Each structure stands twice: as structure tokens, then as C-alpha cells.
Amino acid sequence: MTTSGKRWTVYDRYGSPIYLTHERWCHIIDQTNHPEMEYYEELLKTTLRKGKRRQEPLNPRKYRYSHLFRNLPDDVNHIVAIVMFGFDVDAQGQVIPNNFVATAFFKHIRLKGQP
């Protein structure tokens, strides 16, 4: 994926830059995907900045970020973002991070100590 068309870039709590493109945002909020995310873009940024990160065991480039929010609609309580990690080469030949949001969605995750 190219880095053009970036909507924004944030840094996770480990210092890794992560960006979202206009194309990926349109994919996320498309009516056939996760249109409920349309008004939660700022919380998506918070999820990436402060959320827990877990590496997918079958694809080491893929990370799942999740963060608890108590003000989400219905019975969901987390925003989850799938981020693909990689590298690119800039115009000077330097290797640079190329970490982008592939998708994001709401999820209910049962909290420890709750039924």
C-alpha cells in the first residue's frame, strides 16, 4: 500500500507511527462493512494511541489494537483496529515504517470479573 492519501498519522504507546488513508476510512464506514464507526474516528485514534496491542500468531505483520470505552452505543464496549506493519523506502533510500489501519470495528469484550 502506498502512503499517499493519508488522512492522519498517530503514534502508538510504543512509538510506532500508524496512518489511516482516505481509502481505508471509506472502506471502514461503507454500508456493507462498519458504518457505525463513522462518528468515532477520534476514538479510533485513541485506540491506536493508548490501546492494548496483540500480534496475530499466523501473520506477524498484523496487530490487533483494542481499547475500552464506556460510552459506545448498544452493548459494545471496545473499538478494535487491525493494523498492518511493514516497511518502505523513501526518496533518499532510507527504510521507513509503513504501518497502516486496515479496518476498525466495535466489539463487546467481556471484562474480567463480570458475567
PDB file of N, CA and C in Angstrom:
ATOM      1  N   MET A   1       0.847  -1.173   0.000  1.00  0.00           N
ATOM      2  CA  MET A   1       0.000   0.000   0.000  1.00  0.00           C
ATOM      3  C   MET A   1       0.894   1.238   0.000  1.00  0.00           C
ATOM      4  N   THR A   2       0.577   2.195  -0.812  1.00  0.00           N
ATOM      5  CA  THR A   2       1.358   3.426  -0.843  1.00  0.00           C
ATOM      6  C   THR A   2       0.934   4.328   0.305  1.00  0.00           C
ATOM      7  N   THR A   3       1.785   5.280   0.625  1.00  0.00           N
ATOM      8  CA  THR A   3       1.491   6.173   1.742  1.00  0.00           C
ATOM      9  C   THR A   3       0.753   7.426   1.296  1.00  0.00           C
ATOM     10  N   SER A   4       0.442   7.575   0.006  1.00  0.00           N
ATOM     11  CA  SER A   4      -0.305   8.745  -0.431  1.00  0.00           C
ATOM     12  C   SER A   4      -1.757   8.605  -0.002  1.00  0.00           C
ATOM     13  N   GLY A   5      -2.434   9.742   0.120  1.00  0.00           N
ATOM     14  CA  GLY A   5      -3.829   9.712   0.521  1.00  0.00           C
ATOM     15  C   GLY A   5      -4.029   9.552   2.010  1.00  0.00           C
ATOM     16  N   LYS A   6      -3.005   9.872   2.801  1.00  0.00           N
ATOM     17  CA  LYS A   6      -3.126   9.740   4.254  1.00  0.00           C
ATOM     18  C   LYS A   6      -4.155  10.733   4.791  1.00  0.00           C
ATOM     19  N   ARG A   7      -4.967  10.254   5.687  1.00  0.00           N
ATOM     20  CA  ARG A   7      -5.937  11.078   6.405  1.00  0.00           C
ATOM     21  C   ARG A   7      -5.278  11.667   7.642  1.00  0.00           C
ATOM     22  N   TRP A   8      -4.555  10.811   8.369  1.00  0.00           N
ATOM     23  CA  TRP A   8      -3.816  11.219   9.564  1.00  0.00           C
ATOM     24  C   TRP A   8      -2.823  10.136   9.953  1.00  0.00           C
ATOM     25  N   THR A   9      -1.908  10.523  10.837  1.00  0.00           N
ATOM     26  CA  THR A   9      -0.933   9.603  11.419  1.00  0.00           C
ATOM     27  C   THR A   9      -0.914   9.837  12.924  1.00  0.00           C
ATOM     28  N   VAL A  10      -0.890   8.758  13.688  1.00  0.00           N
ATOM     29  CA  VAL A  10      -0.730   8.838  15.145  1.00  0.00           C
ATOM     30  C   VAL A  10       0.405   7.898  15.538  1.00  0.00           C
ATOM     31  N   TYR A  11       0.861   8.011  16.770  1.00  0.00           N
ATOM     32  CA  TYR A  11       1.903   7.127  17.304  1.00  0.00           C
ATOM     33  C   TYR A  11       1.304   6.305  18.428  1.00  0.00           C
ATOM     34  N   ASP A  12       1.540   4.997  18.386  1.00  0.00           N
ATOM     35  CA  ASP A  12       1.045   4.148  19.469  1.00  0.00           C
ATOM     36  C   ASP A  12       1.932   4.314  20.693  1.00  0.00           C
ATOM     37  N   ARG A  13       1.588   3.646  21.773  1.00  0.00           N
ATOM     38  CA  ARG A  13       2.333   3.824  23.020  1.00  0.00           C
ATOM     39  C   ARG A  13       3.731   3.234  22.984  1.00  0.00           C
ATOM     40  N   TYR A  14       4.073   2.561  21.893  1.00  0.00           N
ATOM     41  CA  TYR A  14       5.428   2.026  21.695  1.00  0.00           C
ATOM     42  C   TYR A  14       6.244   2.900  20.747  1.00  0.00           C
ATOM     43  N   GLY A  15       5.642   4.009  20.289  1.00  0.00           N
ATOM     44  CA  GLY A  15       6.330   4.932  19.402  1.00  0.00           C
ATOM     45  C   GLY A  15       6.223   4.598  17.926  1.00  0.00           C
ATOM     46  N   SER A  16       5.405   3.621  17.588  1.00  0.00           N
ATOM     47  CA  SER A  16       5.244   3.229  16.180  1.00  0.00           C
ATOM     48  C   SER A  16       4.252   4.149  15.475  1.00  0.00           C
ATOM     49  N   PRO A  17       4.637   4.738  14.327  1.00  0.00           N
ATOM     50  CA  PRO A  17       3.685   5.561  13.583  1.00  0.00           C
ATOM     51  C   PRO A  17       2.676   4.664  12.866  1.00  0.00           C
ATOM     52  N   ILE A  18       1.414   5.068  12.899  1.00  0.00           N
ATOM     53  CA  ILE A  18       0.333   4.333  12.225  1.00  0.00           C
ATOM     54  C   ILE A  18      -0.522   5.357  11.506  1.00  0.00           C
ATOM     55  N   TYR A  19      -0.806   5.086  10.226  1.00  0.00           N
ATOM     56  CA  TYR A  19      -1.629   6.037   9.480  1.00  0.00           C
ATOM     57  C   TYR A  19      -2.899   5.376   8.968  1.00  0.00           C
ATOM     58  N   LEU A  20      -3.878   6.257   8.676  1.00  0.00           N
ATOM     59  CA  LEU A  20      -5.137   5.846   8.064  1.00  0.00           C
ATOM     60  C   LEU A  20      -5.261   6.601   6.761  1.00  0.00           C
ATOM     61  N   THR A  21      -5.575   5.898   5.683  1.00  0.00           N
ATOM     62  CA  THR A  21      -5.783   6.558   4.395  1.00  0.00           C
ATOM     63  C   THR A  21      -7.267   6.868   4.207  1.00  0.00           C
ATOM     64  N   HIS A  22      -7.540   7.779   3.286  1.00  0.00           N
ATOM     65  CA  HIS A  22      -8.930   8.090   2.926  1.00  0.00           C
ATOM     66  C   HIS A  22      -9.611   6.833   2.391  1.00  0.00           C
ATOM     67  N   GLU A  23      -8.908   6.057   1.595  1.00  0.00           N
ATOM     68  CA  GLU A  23      -9.477   4.834   1.010  1.00  0.00           C
ATOM     69  C   GLU A  23      -9.886   3.850   2.095  1.00  0.00           C
ATOM     70  N   ARG A  24      -9.036   3.643   3.101  1.00  0.00           N
ATOM     71  CA  ARG A  24      -9.347   2.697   4.181  1.00  0.00           C
ATOM     72  C   ARG A  24     -10.511   3.210   5.026  1.00  0.00           C
ATOM     73  N   TRP A  25     -10.562   4.533   5.269  1.00  0.00           N
ATOM     74  CA  TRP A  25     -11.665   5.091   6.043  1.00  0.00           C
ATOM     75  C   TRP A  25     -12.985   4.878   5.300  1.00  0.00           C
ATOM     76  N   CYS A  26     -12.993   5.123   4.007  1.00  0.00           N
ATOM     77  CA  CYS A  26     -14.206   4.892   3.216  1.00  0.00           C
ATOM     78  C   CYS A  26     -14.601   3.420   3.259  1.00  0.00           C
ATOM     79  N   HIS A  27     -13.622   2.528   3.219  1.00  0.00           N
ATOM     80  CA  HIS A  27     -13.890   1.081   3.329  1.00  0.00           C
ATOM     81  C   HIS A  27     -14.519   0.762   4.687  1.00  0.00           C
ATOM     82  N   ILE A  28     -13.957   1.307   5.758  1.00  0.00           N
ATOM     83  CA  ILE A  28     -14.452   1.015   7.105  1.00  0.00           C
ATOM     84  C   ILE A  28     -15.905   1.451   7.260  1.00  0.00           C
ATOM     85  N   ILE A  29     -16.219   2.675   6.857  1.00  0.00           N
ATOM     86  CA  ILE A  29     -17.566   3.199   7.103  1.00  0.00           C
ATOM     87  C   ILE A  29     -18.563   2.867   5.991  1.00  0.00           C
ATOM     88  N   ASP A  30     -18.145   2.095   5.006  1.00  0.00           N
ATOM     89  CA  ASP A  30     -19.062   1.657   3.952  1.00  0.00           C
ATOM     90  C   ASP A  30     -20.245   0.912   4.573  1.00  0.00           C
ATOM     91  N   GLN A  31     -21.411   1.060   3.971  1.00  0.00           N
ATOM     92  CA  GLN A  31     -22.634   0.441   4.487  1.00  0.00           C
ATOM     93  C   GLN A  31     -22.529  -1.075   4.626  1.00  0.00           C
ATOM     94  N   THR A  32     -21.686  -1.717   3.830  1.00  0.00           N
ATOM     95  CA  THR A  32     -21.557  -3.178   3.913  1.00  0.00           C
ATOM     96  C   THR A  32     -20.493  -3.617   4.916  1.00  0.00           C
ATOM     97  N   ASN A  33     -19.806  -2.673   5.535  1.00  0.00           N
ATOM     98  CA  ASN A  33     -18.742  -3.018   6.488  1.00  0.00           C
ATOM     99  C   ASN A  33     -19.108  -2.553   7.899  1.00  0.00           C
ATOM    100  N   HIS A  34     -18.599  -1.389   8.309  1.00  0.00           N
ATOM    101  CA  HIS A  34     -18.813  -0.926   9.684  1.00  0.00           C
ATOM    102  C   HIS A  34     -19.277   0.533   9.708  1.00  0.00           C
ATOM    103  N   PRO A  35     -20.447   0.818   9.137  1.00  0.00           N
ATOM    104  CA  PRO A  35     -20.906   2.214   9.062  1.00  0.00           C
ATOM    105  C   PRO A  35     -21.086   2.861  10.436  1.00  0.00           C
ATOM    106  N   GLU A  36     -21.253   2.044  11.473  1.00  0.00           N
ATOM    107  CA  GLU A  36     -21.409   2.569  12.830  1.00  0.00           C
ATOM    108  C   GLU A  36     -20.161   3.306  13.314  1.00  0.00           C
ATOM    109  N   MET A  37     -19.028   3.101  12.652  1.00  0.00           N
ATOM    110  CA  MET A  37     -17.769   3.757  13.045  1.00  0.00           C
ATOM    111  C   MET A  37     -17.677   5.208  12.570  1.00  0.00           C
ATOM    112  N   GLU A  38     -18.585   5.636  11.711  1.00  0.00           N
ATOM    113  CA  GLU A  38     -18.472   6.951  11.076  1.00  0.00           C
ATOM    114  C   GLU A  38     -18.238   8.100  12.051  1.00  0.00           C
ATOM    115  N   TYR A  39     -18.883   8.071  13.201  1.00  0.00           N
ATOM    116  CA  TYR A  39     -18.777   9.184  14.150  1.00  0.00           C
ATOM    117  C   TYR A  39     -17.757   8.924  15.261  1.00  0.00           C
ATOM    118  N   TYR A  40     -16.921   7.915  15.086  1.00  0.00           N
ATOM    119  CA  TYR A  40     -15.992   7.513  16.140  1.00  0.00           C
ATOM    120  C   TYR A  40     -14.532   7.538  15.686  1.00  0.00           C
ATOM    121  N   GLU A  41     -14.214   8.371  14.730  1.00  0.00           N
ATOM    122  CA  GLU A  41     -12.847   8.450  14.227  1.00  0.00           C
ATOM    123  C   GLU A  41     -11.863   8.906  15.311  1.00  0.00           C
ATOM    124  N   GLU A  42     -12.265   9.845  16.147  1.00  0.00           N
ATOM    125  CA  GLU A  42     -11.371  10.300  17.221  1.00  0.00           C
ATOM    126  C   GLU A  42     -11.112   9.184  18.223  1.00  0.00           C
ATOM    127  N   LEU A  43     -12.126   8.351  18.495  1.00  0.00           N
ATOM    128  CA  LEU A  43     -11.923   7.223  19.404  1.00  0.00           C
ATOM    129  C   LEU A  43     -11.043   6.151  18.765  1.00  0.00           C
ATOM    130  N   LEU A  44     -11.087   6.051  17.446  1.00  0.00           N
ATOM    131  CA  LEU A  44     -10.165   5.147  16.746  1.00  0.00           C
ATOM    132  C   LEU A  44      -8.726   5.608  16.972  1.00  0.00           C
ATOM    133  N   LYS A  45      -8.486   6.905  16.884  1.00  0.00           N
ATOM    134  CA  LYS A  45      -7.146   7.437  17.153  1.00  0.00           C
ATOM    135  C   LYS A  45      -6.719   7.135  18.590  1.00  0.00           C
ATOM    136  N   THR A  46      -7.645   7.301  19.537  1.00  0.00           N
ATOM    137  CA  THR A  46      -7.346   6.994  20.936  1.00  0.00           C
ATOM    138  C   THR A  46      -7.008   5.518  21.103  1.00  0.00           C
ATOM    139  N   THR A  47      -7.737   4.653  20.412  1.00  0.00           N
ATOM    140  CA  THR A  47      -7.474   3.216  20.458  1.00  0.00           C
ATOM    141  C   THR A  47      -6.046   2.920  20.029  1.00  0.00           C
ATOM    142  N   LEU A  48      -5.604   3.560  18.970  1.00  0.00           N
ATOM    143  CA  LEU A  48      -4.244   3.332  18.476  1.00  0.00           C
ATOM    144  C   LEU A  48      -3.196   3.920  19.419  1.00  0.00           C
ATOM    145  N   ARG A  49      -3.477   5.067  19.983  1.00  0.00           N
ATOM    146  CA  ARG A  49      -2.510   5.729  20.875  1.00  0.00           C
ATOM    147  C   ARG A  49      -2.364   5.017  22.220  1.00  0.00           C
ATOM    148  N   LYS A  50      -3.498   4.551  22.778  1.00  0.00           N
ATOM    149  CA  LYS A  50      -3.491   4.072  24.164  1.00  0.00           C
ATOM    150  C   LYS A  50      -3.893   2.616  24.328  1.00  0.00           C
ATOM    151  N   GLY A  51      -4.403   1.997  23.285  1.00  0.00           N
ATOM    152  CA  GLY A  51      -4.969   0.659  23.416  1.00  0.00           C
ATOM    153  C   GLY A  51      -3.937  -0.445  23.581  1.00  0.00           C
ATOM    154  N   LYS A  52      -4.462  -1.599  23.967  1.00  0.00           N
ATOM    155  CA  LYS A  52      -3.625  -2.797  24.055  1.00  0.00           C
ATOM    156  C   LYS A  52      -3.358  -3.304  22.653  1.00  0.00           C
ATOM    157  N   ARG A  53      -2.185  -3.875  22.459  1.00  0.00           N
ATOM    158  CA  ARG A  53      -1.778  -4.363  21.136  1.00  0.00           C
ATOM    159  C   ARG A  53      -1.427  -5.836  21.251  1.00  0.00           C
ATOM    160  N   ARG A  54      -1.943  -6.632  20.297  1.00  0.00           N
ATOM    161  CA  ARG A  54      -1.634  -8.054  20.263  1.00  0.00           C
ATOM    162  C   ARG A  54      -1.258  -8.444  18.838  1.00  0.00           C
ATOM    163  N   GLN A  55      -0.133  -9.117  18.705  1.00  0.00           N
ATOM    164  CA  GLN A  55       0.335  -9.579  17.404  1.00  0.00           C
ATOM    165  C   GLN A  55      -0.426 -10.850  17.033  1.00  0.00           C
ATOM    166  N   GLU A  56      -0.876 -10.924  15.790  1.00  0.00           N
ATOM    167  CA  GLU A  56      -1.587 -12.103  15.320  1.00  0.00           C
ATOM    168  C   GLU A  56      -0.592 -13.245  15.125  1.00  0.00           C
ATOM    169  N   PRO A  57      -0.877 -14.419  15.663  1.00  0.00           N
ATOM    170  CA  PRO A  57       0.092 -15.520  15.598  1.00  0.00           C
ATOM    171  C   PRO A  57       0.354 -16.057  14.190  1.00  0.00           C
ATOM    172  N   LEU A  58      -0.631 -16.001  13.304  1.00  0.00           N
ATOM    173  CA  LEU A  58      -0.441 -16.554  11.966  1.00  0.00           C
ATOM    174  C   LEU A  58       0.090 -15.545  10.953  1.00  0.00           C
ATOM    175  N   ASN A  59       0.080 -14.264  11.330  1.00  0.00           N
ATOM    176  CA  ASN A  59       0.612 -13.222  10.451  1.00  0.00           C
ATOM    177  C   ASN A  59       1.345 -12.212  11.331  1.00  0.00           C
ATOM    178  N   PRO A  60       2.652 -12.329  11.488  1.00  0.00           N
ATOM    179  CA  PRO A  60       3.387 -11.454  12.403  1.00  0.00           C
ATOM    180  C   PRO A  60       3.404  -9.975  12.009  1.00  0.00           C
ATOM    181  N   ARG A  61       2.959  -9.651  10.807  1.00  0.00           N
ATOM    182  CA  ARG A  61       2.858  -8.243  10.387  1.00  0.00           C
ATOM    183  C   ARG A  61       1.549  -7.604  10.866  1.00  0.00           C
ATOM    184  N   LYS A  62       0.609  -8.423  11.315  1.00  0.00           N
ATOM    185  CA  LYS A  62      -0.733  -7.963  11.654  1.00  0.00           C
ATOM    186  C   LYS A  62      -0.889  -7.827  13.169  1.00  0.00           C
ATOM    187  N   TYR A  63      -1.356  -6.651  13.596  1.00  0.00           N
ATOM    188  CA  TYR A  63      -1.580  -6.370  15.010  1.00  0.00           C
ATOM    189  C   TYR A  63      -3.029  -5.969  15.229  1.00  0.00           C
ATOM    190  N   ARG A  64      -3.557  -6.381  16.365  1.00  0.00           N
ATOM    191  CA  ARG A  64      -4.920  -6.041  16.767  1.00  0.00           C
ATOM    192  C   ARG A  64      -4.822  -5.112  17.972  1.00  0.00           C
ATOM    193  N   TYR A  65      -5.320  -3.900  17.817  1.00  0.00           N
ATOM    194  CA  TYR A  65      -5.377  -2.922  18.895  1.00  0.00           C
ATOM    195  C   TYR A  65      -6.807  -2.893  19.435  1.00  0.00           C
ATOM    196  N   SER A  66      -6.947  -2.820  20.752  1.00  0.00           N
ATOM    197  CA  SER A  66      -8.286  -2.682  21.328  1.00  0.00           C
ATOM    198  C   SER A  66      -8.217  -1.746  22.524  1.00  0.00           C
ATOM    199  N   HIS A  67      -9.331  -1.035  22.724  1.00  0.00           N
ATOM    200  CA  HIS A  67      -9.404  -0.096  23.840  1.00  0.00           C
ATOM    201  C   HIS A  67     -10.836  -0.048  24.357  1.00  0.00           C
ATOM    202  N   LEU A  68     -10.969  -0.056  25.682  1.00  0.00           N
ATOM    203  CA  LEU A  68     -12.262   0.002  26.354  1.00  0.00           C
ATOM    204  C   LEU A  68     -12.805   1.424  26.343  1.00  0.00           C
ATOM    205  N   PHE A  69     -14.079   1.554  25.959  1.00  0.00           N
ATOM    206  CA  PHE A  69     -14.806   2.819  26.049  1.00  0.00           C
ATOM    207  C   PHE A  69     -16.162   2.504  26.677  1.00  0.00           C
ATOM    208  N   ARG A  70     -16.566   3.302  27.626  1.00  0.00           N
ATOM    209  CA  ARG A  70     -17.838   3.042  28.307  1.00  0.00           C
ATOM    210  C   ARG A  70     -19.008   3.804  27.700  1.00  0.00           C
ATOM    211  N   ASN A  71     -18.750   4.608  26.663  1.00  0.00           N
ATOM    212  CA  ASN A  71     -19.814   5.428  26.085  1.00  0.00           C
ATOM    213  C   ASN A  71     -20.162   5.037  24.645  1.00  0.00           C
ATOM    214  N   LEU A  72     -19.924   3.791  24.277  1.00  0.00           N
ATOM    215  CA  LEU A  72     -20.252   3.335  22.930  1.00  0.00           C
ATOM    216  C   LEU A  72     -21.716   2.910  22.865  1.00  0.00           C
ATOM    217  N   PRO A  73     -22.308   2.907  21.675  1.00  0.00           N
ATOM    218  CA  PRO A  73     -23.734   2.556  21.568  1.00  0.00           C
ATOM    219  C   PRO A  73     -23.987   1.064  21.810  1.00  0.00           C
ATOM    220  N   ASP A  74     -25.248   0.778  22.089  1.00  0.00           N
ATOM    221  CA  ASP A  74     -25.724  -0.595  22.271  1.00  0.00           C
ATOM    222  C   ASP A  74     -24.928  -1.296  23.363  1.00  0.00           C
ATOM    223  N   ASP A  75     -24.561  -2.540  23.136  1.00  0.00           N
ATOM    224  CA  ASP A  75     -23.867  -3.303  24.180  1.00  0.00           C
ATOM    225  C   ASP A  75     -22.380  -3.491  23.882  1.00  0.00           C
ATOM    226  N   VAL A  76     -21.824  -2.683  22.971  1.00  0.00           N
ATOM    227  CA  VAL A  76     -20.395  -2.796  22.681  1.00  0.00           C
ATOM    228  C   VAL A  76     -19.597  -1.956  23.675  1.00  0.00           C
ATOM    229  N   ASN A  77     -18.354  -2.351  23.911  1.00  0.00           N
ATOM    230  CA  ASN A  77     -17.543  -1.611  24.878  1.00  0.00           C
ATOM    231  C   ASN A  77     -16.094  -1.403  24.432  1.00  0.00           C
ATOM    232  N   HIS A  78     -15.743  -1.859  23.234  1.00  0.00           N
ATOM    233  CA  HIS A  78     -14.382  -1.689  22.728  1.00  0.00           C
ATOM    234  C   HIS A  78     -14.401  -1.245  21.261  1.00  0.00           C
ATOM    235  N   ILE A  79     -13.372  -0.524  20.904  1.00  0.00           N
ATOM    236  CA  ILE A  79     -13.063  -0.314  19.486  1.00  0.00           C
ATOM    237  C   ILE A  79     -11.833  -1.155  19.206  1.00  0.00           C
ATOM    238  N   VAL A  80     -11.888  -1.890  18.115  1.00  0.00           N
ATOM    239  CA  VAL A  80     -10.789  -2.752  17.690  1.00  0.00           C
ATOM    240  C   VAL A  80     -10.291  -2.234  16.349  1.00  0.00           C
ATOM    241  N   ALA A  81      -8.985  -2.157  16.198  1.00  0.00           N
ATOM    242  CA  ALA A  81      -8.372  -1.743  14.931  1.00  0.00           C
ATOM    243  C   ALA A  81      -7.367  -2.809  14.510  1.00  0.00           C
ATOM    244  N   ILE A  82      -7.400  -3.152  13.249  1.00  0.00           N
ATOM    245  CA  ILE A  82      -6.423  -4.076  12.680  1.00  0.00           C
ATOM    246  C   ILE A  82      -5.392  -3.242  11.931  1.00  0.00           C
ATOM    247  N   VAL A  83      -4.127  -3.405  12.306  1.00  0.00           N
ATOM    248  CA  VAL A  83      -3.043  -2.609  11.716  1.00  0.00           C
ATOM    249  C   VAL A  83      -2.026  -3.548  11.083  1.00  0.00           C
ATOM    250  N   MET A  84      -1.657  -3.240   9.862  1.00  0.00           N
ATOM    251  CA  MET A  84      -0.619  -3.988   9.153  1.00  0.00           C
ATOM    252  C   MET A  84       0.692  -3.224   9.294  1.00  0.00           C
ATOM    253  N   PHE A  85       1.715  -3.905   9.802  1.00  0.00           N
ATOM    254  CA  PHE A  85       3.043  -3.313   9.969  1.00  0.00           C
ATOM    255  C   PHE A  85       3.927  -3.716   8.793  1.00  0.00           C
ATOM    256  N   GLY A  86       4.749  -2.800   8.357  1.00  0.00           N
ATOM    257  CA  GLY A  86       5.671  -3.094   7.274  1.00  0.00           C
ATOM    258  C   GLY A  86       6.697  -1.979   7.149  1.00  0.00           C
ATOM    259  N   PHE A  87       7.445  -2.025   6.050  1.00  0.00           N
ATOM    260  CA  PHE A  87       8.477  -1.025   5.794  1.00  0.00           C
ATOM    261  C   PHE A  87       8.404  -0.585   4.349  1.00  0.00           C
ATOM    262  N   ASP A  88       8.921   0.602   4.090  1.00  0.00           N
ATOM    263  CA  ASP A  88       9.009   1.160   2.753  1.00  0.00           C
ATOM    264  C   ASP A  88      10.375   1.817   2.641  1.00  0.00           C
ATOM    265  N   VAL A  89      10.698   2.307   1.469  1.00  0.00           N
ATOM    266  CA  VAL A  89      11.954   3.025   1.246  1.00  0.00           C
ATOM    267  C   VAL A  89      11.603   4.424   0.745  1.00  0.00           C
ATOM    268  N   ASP A  90      12.138   5.454   1.404  1.00  0.00           N
ATOM    269  CA  ASP A  90      11.832   6.819   0.992  1.00  0.00           C
ATOM    270  C   ASP A  90      12.707   7.249  -0.182  1.00  0.00           C
ATOM    271  N   ALA A  91      12.545   8.483  -0.635  1.00  0.00           N
ATOM    272  CA  ALA A  91      13.259   9.001  -1.810  1.00  0.00           C
ATOM    273  C   ALA A  91      14.776   9.020  -1.607  1.00  0.00           C
ATOM    274  N   GLN A  92      15.233   9.058  -0.359  1.00  0.00           N
ATOM    275  CA  GLN A  92      16.668   9.060  -0.068  1.00  0.00           C
ATOM    276  C   GLN A  92      17.215   7.648   0.132  1.00  0.00           C
ATOM    277  N   GLY A  93      16.377   6.645  -0.058  1.00  0.00           N
ATOM    278  CA  GLY A  93      16.815   5.266   0.095  1.00  0.00           C
ATOM    279  C   GLY A  93      16.810   4.764   1.529  1.00  0.00           C
ATOM    280  N   GLN A  94      16.211   5.536   2.434  1.00  0.00           N
ATOM    281  CA  GLN A  94      16.132   5.145   3.839  1.00  0.00           C
ATOM    282  C   GLN A  94      14.918   4.243   4.069  1.00  0.00           C
ATOM    283  N   VAL A  95      15.102   3.221   4.887  1.00  0.00           N
ATOM    284  CA  VAL A  95      13.988   2.351   5.260  1.00  0.00           C
ATOM    285  C   VAL A  95      13.146   3.072   6.306  1.00  0.00           C
ATOM    286  N   ILE A  96      11.835   3.144   6.048  1.00  0.00           N
ATOM    287  CA  ILE A  96      10.919   3.837   6.955  1.00  0.00           C
ATOM    288  C   ILE A  96       9.727   2.932   7.275  1.00  0.00           C
ATOM    289  N   PRO A  97       9.105   3.142   8.444  1.00  0.00           N
ATOM    290  CA  PRO A  97       7.931   2.337   8.792  1.00  0.00           C
ATOM    291  C   PRO A  97       6.778   2.603   7.836  1.00  0.00           C
ATOM    292  N   ASN A  98       5.994   1.577   7.572  1.00  0.00           N
ATOM    293  CA  ASN A  98       4.789   1.691   6.752  1.00  0.00           C
ATOM    294  C   ASN A  98       3.696   0.880   7.453  1.00  0.00           C
ATOM    295  N   ASN A  99       3.112   1.481   8.501  1.00  0.00           N
ATOM    296  CA  ASN A  99       2.125   0.817   9.342  1.00  0.00           C
ATOM    297  C   ASN A  99       0.774   1.495   9.130  1.00  0.00           C
ATOM    298  N   PHE A 100      -0.222   0.734   8.666  1.00  0.00           N
ATOM    299  CA  PHE A 100      -1.493   1.358   8.329  1.00  0.00           C
ATOM    300  C   PHE A 100      -2.679   0.586   8.886  1.00  0.00           C
ATOM    301  N   VAL A 101      -3.763   1.334   9.137  1.00  0.00           N
ATOM    302  CA  VAL A 101      -5.015   0.742   9.598  1.00  0.00           C
ATOM    303  C   VAL A 101      -5.671   0.051   8.410  1.00  0.00           C
ATOM    304  N   ALA A 102      -5.951  -1.245   8.569  1.00  0.00           N
ATOM    305  CA  ALA A 102      -6.651  -1.998   7.532  1.00  0.00           C
ATOM    306  C   ALA A 102      -8.159  -1.920   7.733  1.00  0.00           C
ATOM    307  N   THR A 103      -8.595  -2.024   8.987  1.00  0.00           N
ATOM    308  CA  THR A 103     -10.020  -1.908   9.310  1.00  0.00           C
ATOM    309  C   THR A 103     -10.183  -1.599  10.786  1.00  0.00           C
ATOM    310  N   ALA A 104     -11.403  -1.256  11.172  1.00  0.00           N
ATOM    311  CA  ALA A 104     -11.725  -0.964  12.568  1.00  0.00           C
ATOM    312  C   ALA A 104     -13.204  -1.252  12.779  1.00  0.00           C
ATOM    313  N   PHE A 105     -13.544  -1.649  14.003  1.00  0.00           N
ATOM    314  CA  PHE A 105     -14.939  -2.008  14.276  1.00  0.00           C
ATOM    315  C   PHE A 105     -15.200  -1.985  15.781  1.00  0.00           C
ATOM    316  N   PHE A 106     -16.495  -2.020  16.138  1.00  0.00           N
ATOM    317  CA  PHE A 106     -16.925  -2.140  17.531  1.00  0.00           C
ATOM    318  C   PHE A 106     -16.938  -3.609  17.920  1.00  0.00           C
ATOM    319  N   LYS A 107     -16.763  -3.856  19.213  1.00  0.00           N
ATOM    320  CA  LYS A 107     -16.854  -5.224  19.706  1.00  0.00           C
ATOM    321  C   LYS A 107     -17.209  -5.195  21.183  1.00  0.00           C
ATOM    322  N   HIS A 108     -17.988  -6.182  21.617  1.00  0.00           N
ATOM    323  CA  HIS A 108     -18.220  -6.370  23.043  1.00  0.00           C
ATOM    324  C   HIS A 108     -17.215  -7.392  23.539  1.00  0.00           C
ATOM    325  N   ILE A 109     -16.423  -6.990  24.521  1.00  0.00           N
ATOM    326  CA  ILE A 109     -15.449  -7.900  25.129  1.00  0.00           C
ATOM    327  C   ILE A 109     -15.809  -7.999  26.611  1.00  0.00           C
ATOM    328  N   ARG A 110     -16.043  -9.202  27.057  1.00  0.00           N
ATOM    329  CA  ARG A 110     -16.409  -9.420  28.459  1.00  0.00           C
ATOM    330  C   ARG A 110     -15.226  -9.054  29.337  1.00  0.00           C
ATOM    331  N   LEU A 111     -15.475  -8.220  30.320  1.00  0.00           N
ATOM    332  CA  LEU A 111     -14.437  -7.772  31.229  1.00  0.00           C
ATOM    333  C   LEU A 111     -14.255  -8.787  32.354  1.00  0.00           C
ATOM    334  N   LYS A 112     -13.027  -8.929  32.833  1.00  0.00           N
ATOM    335  CA  LYS A 112     -12.743  -9.851  33.930  1.00  0.00           C
ATOM    336  C   LYS A 112     -13.599  -9.495  35.142  1.00  0.00           C
ATOM    337  N   GLY A 113     -14.153 -10.519  35.771  1.00  0.00           N
ATOM    338  CA  GLY A 113     -14.964 -10.295  36.961  1.00  0.00           C
ATOM    339  C   GLY A 113     -16.407  -9.943  36.669  1.00  0.00           C
ATOM    340  N   GLN A 114     -16.792  -9.894  35.389  1.00  0.00           N
ATOM    341  CA  GLN A 114     -18.175  -9.605  35.030  1.00  0.00           C
ATOM    342  C   GLN A 114     -18.775 -10.800  34.318  1.00  0.00           C
ATOM    343  N   PRO A 115     -20.066 -11.034  34.536  1.00  0.00           N
ATOM    344  CA  PRO A 115     -20.714 -12.180  33.889  1.00  0.00           C
ATOM    345  C   PRO A 115     -20.847 -12.027  32.385  1.00  0.00           C
TER     346      PRO A 115
END
